[in-house]
C-alpha atoms as a PDB file:
ATOM      1  CA  MET A   1    -101.645  46.418  -9.438  1.00  0.00           C
ATOM      2  CA  THR A   2    -100.607  43.828  -6.765  1.00  0.00           C
ATOM      3  CA  ALA A   3     -97.209  43.538  -5.216  1.00  0.00           C
ATOM      4  CA  GLN A   4     -95.612  40.213  -5.347  1.00  0.00           C
ATOM      5  CA  MET A   5     -93.040  39.238  -2.731  1.00  0.00           C
ATOM      6  CA  ASN A   6     -89.743  37.857  -3.874  1.00  0.00           C
ATOM      7  CA  PRO A   7     -88.711  34.883  -1.996  1.00  0.00           C
ATOM      8  CA  ALA A   8     -85.053  35.286  -2.760  1.00  0.00           C
ATOM      9  CA  SER A   9     -85.249  38.755  -1.210  1.00  0.00           C
ATOM     10  CA  PHE A  10     -86.816  37.505   1.943  1.00  0.00           C
ATOM     11  CA  ILE A  11     -84.438  34.812   2.438  1.00  0.00           C
ATOM     12  CA  LYS A  12     -81.491  37.074   1.914  1.00  0.00           C
ATOM     13  CA  HIS A  13     -82.544  39.667   4.304  1.00  0.00           C
ATOM     14  CA  ARG A  14     -83.792  37.211   7.004  1.00  0.00           C
ATOM     15  CA  ARG A  15     -82.292  37.428  10.214  1.00  0.00           C
ATOM     16  CA  VAL A  16     -81.703  33.998  11.907  1.00  0.00           C
ATOM     17  CA  THR A  17     -81.094  34.038  15.717  1.00  0.00           C
ATOM     18  CA  PRO A  18     -80.555  30.971  17.942  1.00  0.00           C
ATOM     19  CA  LEU A  19     -83.418  29.642  20.366  1.00  0.00           C
ATOM     20  CA  VAL A  20     -80.881  29.445  23.472  1.00  0.00           C
ATOM     21  CA  LYS A  21     -78.458  31.826  24.658  1.00  0.00           C
ATOM     22  CA  GLU A  22     -75.603  29.347  25.247  1.00  0.00           C
ATOM     23  CA  PRO A  23     -74.930  26.329  23.122  1.00  0.00           C
ATOM     24  CA  VAL A  24     -75.970  22.889  24.552  1.00  0.00           C
ATOM     25  CA  SER A  25     -72.945  20.619  25.457  1.00  0.00           C
ATOM     26  CA  LEU A  26     -72.822  17.126  26.708  1.00  0.00           C
ATOM     27  CA  ASP A  27     -70.468  18.179  29.511  1.00  0.00           C
ATOM     28  CA  GLY A  28     -67.339  16.540  28.036  1.00  0.00           C
ATOM     29  CA  PHE A  29     -68.985  13.196  27.166  1.00  0.00           C
ATOM     30  CA  SER A  30     -68.006  11.818  23.712  1.00  0.00           C
ATOM     31  CA  LEU A  31     -70.565  10.335  21.476  1.00  0.00           C
ATOM     32  CA  GLY A  32     -69.435   6.811  22.387  1.00  0.00           C
ATOM     33  CA  GLU A  33     -70.030   7.416  25.955  1.00  0.00           C
ATOM     34  CA  THR A  34     -73.326   8.857  25.305  1.00  0.00           C
ATOM     35  CA  LEU A  35     -74.740   6.231  22.978  1.00  0.00           C
ATOM     36  CA  GLY A  36     -72.875   3.315  24.262  1.00  0.00           C
ATOM     37  CA  GLY A  37     -71.612   0.401  22.072  1.00  0.00           C
ATOM     38  CA  THR A  38     -75.028  -0.780  20.993  1.00  0.00           C
ATOM     39  CA  GLY A  39     -76.026   2.769  20.008  1.00  0.00           C
ATOM     40  CA  LEU A  40     -72.988   3.239  17.894  1.00  0.00           C
ATOM     41  CA  ILE A  41     -73.561  -0.071  16.130  1.00  0.00           C
ATOM     42  CA  LEU A  42     -77.140   0.938  15.371  1.00  0.00           C
ATOM     43  CA  LEU A  43     -75.974   4.346  14.137  1.00  0.00           C
ATOM     44  CA  GLY A  44     -73.634   2.563  11.907  1.00  0.00           C
ATOM     45  CA  MET A  45     -76.428   0.477  10.439  1.00  0.00           C
ATOM     46  CA  ILE A  46     -78.308   3.532   9.535  1.00  0.00           C
ATOM     47  CA  TYR A  47     -75.005   5.009   8.021  1.00  0.00           C
ATOM     48  CA  VAL A  48     -74.536   1.764   6.000  1.00  0.00           C
ATOM     49  CA  GLY A  49     -78.307   1.592   5.096  1.00  0.00           C
ATOM     50  CA  GLN A  50     -78.494   5.210   3.683  1.00  0.00           C
ATOM     51  CA  ASP A  51     -75.304   4.225   1.286  1.00  0.00           C
ATOM     52  CA  MET A  52     -73.287   7.029   2.817  1.00  0.00           C
ATOM     53  CA  PRO A  53     -69.654   7.735   1.518  1.00  0.00           C
ATOM     54  CA  GLY A  54     -67.308   4.679   2.683  1.00  0.00           C
ATOM     55  CA  ALA A  55     -70.091   2.454   3.268  1.00  0.00           C
ATOM     56  CA  ARG A  56     -70.311   0.627  -0.006  1.00  0.00           C
ATOM     57  CA  GLY A  57     -67.889  -2.314   1.258  1.00  0.00           C
ATOM     58  CA  ALA A  58     -69.889  -2.961   4.376  1.00  0.00           C
ATOM     59  CA  LEU A  59     -73.153  -2.780   2.420  1.00  0.00           C
ATOM     60  CA  ASP A  60     -71.801  -5.427  -0.269  1.00  0.00           C
ATOM     61  CA  TRP A  61     -70.484  -7.619   2.535  1.00  0.00           C
ATOM     62  CA  THR A  62     -74.077  -7.606   4.361  1.00  0.00           C
ATOM     63  CA  LYS A  63     -75.693  -8.228   0.975  1.00  0.00           C
ATOM     64  CA  LYS A  64     -73.651 -11.334   0.350  1.00  0.00           C
ATOM     65  CA  LYS A  65     -74.135 -12.565   3.923  1.00  0.00           C
ATOM     66  CA  LEU A  66     -78.018 -12.064   3.905  1.00  0.00           C
ATOM     67  CA  GLU A  67     -78.424 -13.257   0.227  1.00  0.00           C
ATOM     68  CA  GLN A  68     -80.836 -10.391  -0.544  1.00  0.00           C
ATOM     69  CA  PRO A  69     -80.782  -7.680  -3.136  1.00  0.00           C
ATOM     70  CA  ARG A  70     -79.072  -4.304  -2.405  1.00  0.00           C
ATOM     71  CA  GLN A  71     -82.230  -2.381  -1.774  1.00  0.00           C
ATOM     72  CA  THR A  72     -83.699  -4.959   0.513  1.00  0.00           C
ATOM     73  CA  THR A  73     -80.367  -4.902   2.498  1.00  0.00           C
ATOM     74  CA  GLN A  74     -80.389  -0.940   2.732  1.00  0.00           C
ATOM     75  CA  GLN A  75     -83.897  -0.972   3.757  1.00  0.00           C
ATOM     76  CA  LEU A  76     -83.306  -3.586   6.477  1.00  0.00           C
ATOM     77  CA  LEU A  77     -80.248  -2.069   7.862  1.00  0.00           C
ATOM     78  CA  THR A  78     -82.060   1.373   8.070  1.00  0.00           C
ATOM     79  CA  GLY A  79     -85.135   0.021   9.584  1.00  0.00           C
ATOM     80  CA  ILE A  80     -83.403  -1.975  12.240  1.00  0.00           C
ATOM     81  CA  GLY A  81     -81.171   1.030  13.056  1.00  0.00           C
ATOM     82  CA  ILE A  82     -83.937   3.422  13.557  1.00  0.00           C
ATOM     83  CA  VAL A  83     -86.154   1.095  15.545  1.00  0.00           C
ATOM     84  CA  GLY A  84     -83.251   0.144  17.662  1.00  0.00           C
ATOM     85  CA  LEU A  85     -82.283   3.850  18.526  1.00  0.00           C
ATOM     86  CA  ALA A  86     -86.047   4.721  19.106  1.00  0.00           C
ATOM     87  CA  TYR A  87     -86.288   1.741  21.584  1.00  0.00           C
ATOM     88  CA  ARG A  88     -83.030   2.894  23.386  1.00  0.00           C
ATOM     89  CA  ALA A  89     -84.434   6.347  23.640  1.00  0.00           C
ATOM     90  CA  TYR A  90     -87.785   5.131  24.967  1.00  0.00           C
ATOM     91  CA  MET A  91     -86.008   2.968  27.533  1.00  0.00           C
ATOM     92  CA  ASN A  92     -83.852   5.810  28.785  1.00  0.00           C
END
């Protein structure tokens, strides 16, 4: 007979420990100061592009202005947001 491991039991009794002793902080900087205005706009584009809660109005407005279908608008906003944030991270 072979014994099989129960995955639910493994996860239930697994001990999770943090990788660092103290939590990482931004020394009192807010998200706006850290990302800047452009970073917040790019983050908002990703938020709207992923159709998060409360973003439906902005998505519909952008869809009308671009005269594109909804899925194309979502992909465009998400893509521009990710590429823009990656570029900002690369430049810093």
